[in-house]
Amino acid sequence: MRLLRTVPASLLSLAALAGCVHPPIPTGDPLNDMKPRRAVRVVEVVDLNRIKLEDGRTIRMHGVAAPPADHAAFAAGSQWLRDLLEGKQVVLDDDEENFYANDWHSYVFLPDDPARPRFMNGELVRKGFAYAFTTPPNERYEPWLLEQQFEAREEHIGVWADRPPAAEYYVTDRMSNYFHRKECPNGAKLHYPDRYGSRADALSDHKMPCPDCRP
């Protein structure tokens, strides 16, 4: 779990929240690119993966997909994020593309401990409040996020506490991050159909359950 140790270390030089963040000398960690990063205050947590900043922007979290709004993890995760972030300053880190699907996206770090800033995207996934969902070319923290998801799934917490009845098989699209029950209307729209013999196989392949049919 190298990334779990090295990513937070790349933000050690937070300048007392008032100035810029200057990562240390590059060590192979993608955050160590010597690009200054400035802290900004969160004025509102909209929901599980959206925050409003004092500069007027609304930010969606890179690499994080929320469960359906009526899922217990959605409400619990949204409140957890509000308690931590509202009124606090955070440090944002970008990826290859930061504006897509009509939204700004970023990685969010909470520097409540300047020696070990908290990676909020990863913590949402680790606590089972959300799924890891990376979209090429924005894959900077994909190994870390998938590791957090694996641990949450192993513990059957949050979104991974669901254990629905098994289906004969499950369908997916090789270009999609979701898998579906075979009778799901979304499955009929797949362009590159494939199938899994079990839910465990789909999850092990880092596919997310469809929010509609909830396989």
Protein backbone atom coordinates (compact mmCIF):
# COMPACT_ATOMS: atom_id res chain seq x y z
CA MET A 1 0.00 0.00 0.00
CA ARG A 2 2.75 2.47 -0.96
CA LEU A 3 0.35 5.16 -2.09
CA LEU A 4 -1.33 5.26 1.29
CA ARG A 5 1.96 6.44 2.74
CA THR A 6 3.33 8.66 0.01
CA VAL A 7 0.32 10.65 -1.23
CA PRO A 8 -0.39 12.50 2.03
CA ALA A 9 3.32 13.19 2.45
CA SER A 10 3.29 15.20 -0.77
CA LEU A 11 1.25 17.94 0.91
CA LEU A 12 3.44 18.33 3.96
CA SER A 13 4.36 21.93 3.16
CA LEU A 14 0.94 23.53 3.59
CA ALA A 15 1.72 27.18 4.24
CA ALA A 16 -0.46 27.66 7.30
CA LEU A 17 -3.56 27.58 5.05
CA ALA A 18 -2.99 31.21 4.14
CA GLY A 19 -0.51 30.68 1.34
CA CYS A 20 0.36 28.07 -1.26
CA VAL A 21 1.06 24.38 -1.01
CA HIS A 22 4.48 23.52 -2.39
CA PRO A 23 5.02 19.76 -2.67
CA PRO A 24 8.54 18.49 -1.82
CA ILE A 25 11.11 17.19 -4.26
CA PRO A 26 9.58 14.67 -6.72
CA THR A 27 9.77 11.04 -5.59
CA GLY A 28 7.54 9.37 -8.18
CA ASP A 29 4.32 10.43 -6.47
CA PRO A 30 2.17 12.27 -9.08
CA LEU A 31 1.40 15.05 -6.58
CA ASN A 32 5.08 15.97 -6.40
CA ASP A 33 5.08 18.18 -9.48
CA MET A 34 6.12 21.42 -7.73
CA LYS A 35 2.84 23.08 -8.71
CA PRO A 36 1.63 25.42 -5.95
CA ARG A 37 -1.85 24.66 -4.64
CA ARG A 38 -3.86 27.20 -2.70
CA ALA A 39 -6.32 26.47 0.08
CA VAL A 40 -9.96 27.49 -0.43
CA ARG A 41 -12.89 27.52 2.01
CA VAL A 42 -15.89 25.20 1.68
CA VAL A 43 -19.14 27.13 2.21
CA GLU A 44 -21.53 24.21 1.69
CA VAL A 45 -21.54 20.46 1.18
CA VAL A 46 -24.32 19.92 -1.35
CA ASP A 47 -24.36 16.15 -1.10
CA LEU A 48 -22.13 13.10 -1.05
CA ASN A 49 -19.69 14.21 -3.76
CA ARG A 50 -20.39 17.91 -4.39
CA ILE A 51 -19.04 20.89 -2.45
CA LYS A 52 -19.48 24.64 -2.94
CA LEU A 53 -16.45 26.88 -2.48
CA GLU A 54 -16.15 30.50 -1.41
CA ASP A 55 -14.90 31.41 -4.90
CA GLY A 56 -18.32 30.42 -6.31
CA ARG A 57 -17.41 27.08 -7.83
CA THR A 58 -19.19 23.80 -7.21
CA ILE A 59 -16.75 20.89 -7.25
CA ARG A 60 -17.48 17.23 -7.85
CA MET A 61 -14.99 14.77 -6.46
CA HIS A 62 -12.83 12.96 -8.99
CA GLY A 63 -12.97 9.19 -8.84
CA VAL A 64 -16.09 8.97 -6.67
CA ALA A 65 -19.60 7.82 -7.63
CA ALA A 66 -22.47 8.20 -5.19
CA PRO A 67 -25.04 5.46 -4.57
CA PRO A 68 -28.72 6.25 -5.28
CA ALA A 69 -30.05 9.14 -3.20
CA ASP A 70 -32.44 6.84 -1.33
CA HIS A 71 -29.60 4.55 -0.19
CA ALA A 72 -28.75 4.84 3.51
CA ALA A 73 -25.08 5.38 2.65
CA PHE A 74 -25.95 8.50 0.64
CA ALA A 75 -27.50 10.33 3.60
CA ALA A 76 -24.89 9.09 6.06
CA GLY A 77 -21.99 10.03 3.77
CA SER A 78 -23.42 13.47 2.98
CA GLN A 79 -23.78 14.28 6.69
CA TRP A 80 -20.32 12.95 7.48
CA LEU A 81 -18.86 15.20 4.78
CA ARG A 82 -20.81 18.25 6.06
CA ASP A 83 -19.52 17.73 9.59
CA LEU A 84 -15.95 17.60 8.32
CA LEU A 85 -15.80 20.19 5.54
CA GLU A 86 -18.35 22.99 5.93
CA GLY A 87 -16.56 26.17 6.92
CA LYS A 88 -13.14 24.51 6.55
CA GLN A 89 -10.35 25.20 4.11
CA VAL A 90 -9.39 22.45 1.69
CA VAL A 91 -6.67 21.95 -0.87
CA LEU A 92 -7.71 20.88 -4.37
CA ASP A 93 -5.61 18.77 -6.70
CA ASP A 94 -6.42 18.39 -10.38
CA ASP A 95 -6.08 15.59 -12.90
CA GLU A 96 -5.78 15.56 -16.68
CA GLU A 97 -9.30 16.89 -17.31
CA ASN A 98 -11.09 18.92 -14.65
CA PHE A 99 -14.18 20.23 -16.44
CA TYR A 100 -16.44 17.63 -18.04
CA ALA A 101 -20.10 16.59 -17.91
CA ASN A 102 -20.89 20.28 -17.18
CA ASP A 103 -19.07 20.19 -13.82
CA TRP A 104 -15.71 21.03 -12.28
CA HIS A 105 -13.99 17.99 -10.76
CA SER A 106 -11.08 17.75 -8.34
CA TYR A 107 -9.40 15.72 -5.61
CA VAL A 108 -10.07 17.22 -2.19
CA PHE A 109 -7.60 17.21 0.71
CA LEU A 110 -8.49 18.37 4.22
CA PRO A 111 -5.32 19.69 5.92
CA ASP A 112 -6.62 19.52 9.50
CA ASP A 113 -3.28 17.87 10.27
CA PRO A 114 -0.67 19.62 8.06
CA ALA A 115 1.64 16.63 8.49
CA ARG A 116 -0.98 14.24 7.07
CA PRO A 117 -3.74 15.89 5.01
CA ARG A 118 -6.82 13.72 4.61
CA PHE A 119 -7.78 12.58 1.12
CA MET A 120 -11.54 13.02 1.24
CA ASN A 121 -12.25 11.21 -2.04
CA GLY A 122 -10.47 8.14 -0.72
CA GLU A 123 -12.11 8.32 2.70
CA LEU A 124 -15.59 8.38 1.16
CA VAL A 125 -14.77 5.17 -0.67
CA ARG A 126 -13.02 3.58 2.33
CA LYS A 127 -16.01 4.16 4.60
CA GLY A 128 -18.35 2.59 2.06
CA PHE A 129 -20.24 5.83 1.40
CA ALA A 130 -19.38 5.80 -2.31
CA TYR A 131 -17.94 3.72 -5.13
CA ALA A 132 -14.56 4.23 -6.76
CA PHE A 133 -15.28 5.44 -10.30
CA THR A 134 -12.41 6.64 -12.45
CA THR A 135 -12.87 8.07 -15.93
CA PRO A 136 -9.89 8.07 -18.35
CA PRO A 137 -7.70 10.05 -18.56
CA ASN A 138 -8.38 11.00 -14.93
CA GLU A 139 -6.77 8.00 -13.27
CA ARG A 140 -4.16 9.61 -11.03
CA TYR A 141 -5.37 7.95 -7.83
CA GLU A 142 -7.08 4.91 -9.30
CA PRO A 143 -4.86 2.32 -7.51
CA TRP A 144 -5.42 4.05 -4.18
CA LEU A 145 -9.19 4.38 -4.65
CA LEU A 146 -9.55 0.75 -5.71
CA GLU A 147 -7.58 -0.35 -2.66
CA GLN A 148 -9.93 1.63 -0.41
CA GLN A 149 -12.91 0.09 -2.17
CA PHE A 150 -11.55 -3.42 -1.77
CA GLU A 151 -11.16 -2.94 1.98
CA ALA A 152 -14.66 -1.48 2.38
CA ARG A 153 -16.11 -4.33 0.36
CA GLU A 154 -14.28 -6.93 2.43
CA GLU A 155 -15.79 -5.40 5.57
CA HIS A 156 -19.30 -5.23 4.01
CA ILE A 157 -19.82 -1.63 5.08
CA GLY A 158 -21.94 1.12 3.53
CA VAL A 159 -22.83 0.35 -0.08
CA TRP A 160 -21.18 -3.05 0.33
CA ALA A 161 -23.55 -4.10 3.10
CA ASP A 162 -26.18 -4.89 0.45
CA ARG A 163 -26.48 -8.61 -0.29
CA PRO A 164 -29.32 -8.94 -2.79
CA PRO A 165 -30.54 -12.34 -4.08
CA ALA A 166 -28.24 -13.86 -6.66
CA ALA A 167 -29.15 -13.85 -10.35
CA GLU A 168 -28.44 -16.53 -12.94
CA TYR A 169 -25.85 -14.19 -14.45
CA TYR A 170 -25.11 -10.48 -14.78
CA VAL A 171 -24.53 -8.36 -17.87
CA THR A 172 -22.08 -5.55 -18.46
CA ASP A 173 -20.49 -3.49 -21.18
CA ARG A 174 -16.75 -3.82 -21.61
CA MET A 175 -16.63 -0.01 -21.90
CA SER A 176 -18.79 0.57 -18.81
CA ASN A 177 -18.12 0.68 -15.08
CA TYR A 178 -21.51 -0.87 -14.21
CA PHE A 179 -23.02 -4.34 -14.20
CA HIS A 180 -26.74 -5.20 -14.34
CA ARG A 181 -29.26 -7.96 -13.78
CA LYS A 182 -30.03 -9.66 -17.06
CA GLU A 183 -33.58 -8.24 -17.14
CA CYS A 184 -32.48 -4.64 -16.46
CA PRO A 185 -33.54 -2.20 -19.25
CA ASN A 186 -30.09 -0.65 -19.07
CA GLY A 187 -28.59 -4.01 -19.98
CA ALA A 188 -30.52 -4.02 -23.25
CA LYS A 189 -28.72 -0.82 -24.29
CA LEU A 190 -25.21 -2.22 -24.00
CA HIS A 191 -23.02 -1.71 -27.06
CA TYR A 192 -20.30 -4.23 -26.16
CA PRO A 193 -22.17 -6.81 -24.05
CA ASP A 194 -20.43 -9.24 -21.80
CA ARG A 195 -21.54 -11.22 -18.75
CA TYR A 196 -20.45 -12.38 -15.31
CA GLY A 197 -21.45 -15.65 -13.69
CA SER A 198 -21.63 -14.12 -10.22
CA ARG A 199 -21.90 -10.79 -8.43
CA ALA A 200 -18.51 -11.45 -6.83
CA ASP A 201 -16.88 -11.77 -10.27
CA ALA A 202 -18.29 -8.39 -11.33
CA LEU A 203 -17.17 -6.67 -8.14
CA SER A 204 -13.71 -8.22 -8.38
CA ASP A 205 -13.45 -6.72 -11.85
CA HIS A 206 -14.10 -3.29 -10.28
CA LYS A 207 -17.60 -2.95 -11.75
CA MET A 208 -20.25 -1.03 -9.81
CA PRO A 209 -23.83 -2.24 -9.30
CA CYS A 210 -26.36 -0.53 -11.55
CA PRO A 211 -28.23 2.11 -9.50
CA ASP A 212 -31.53 1.10 -11.12
CA CYS A 213 -31.69 -2.70 -10.90
CA ARG A 214 -29.28 -2.92 -7.92
CA PRO A 215 -27.81 -6.35 -8.72
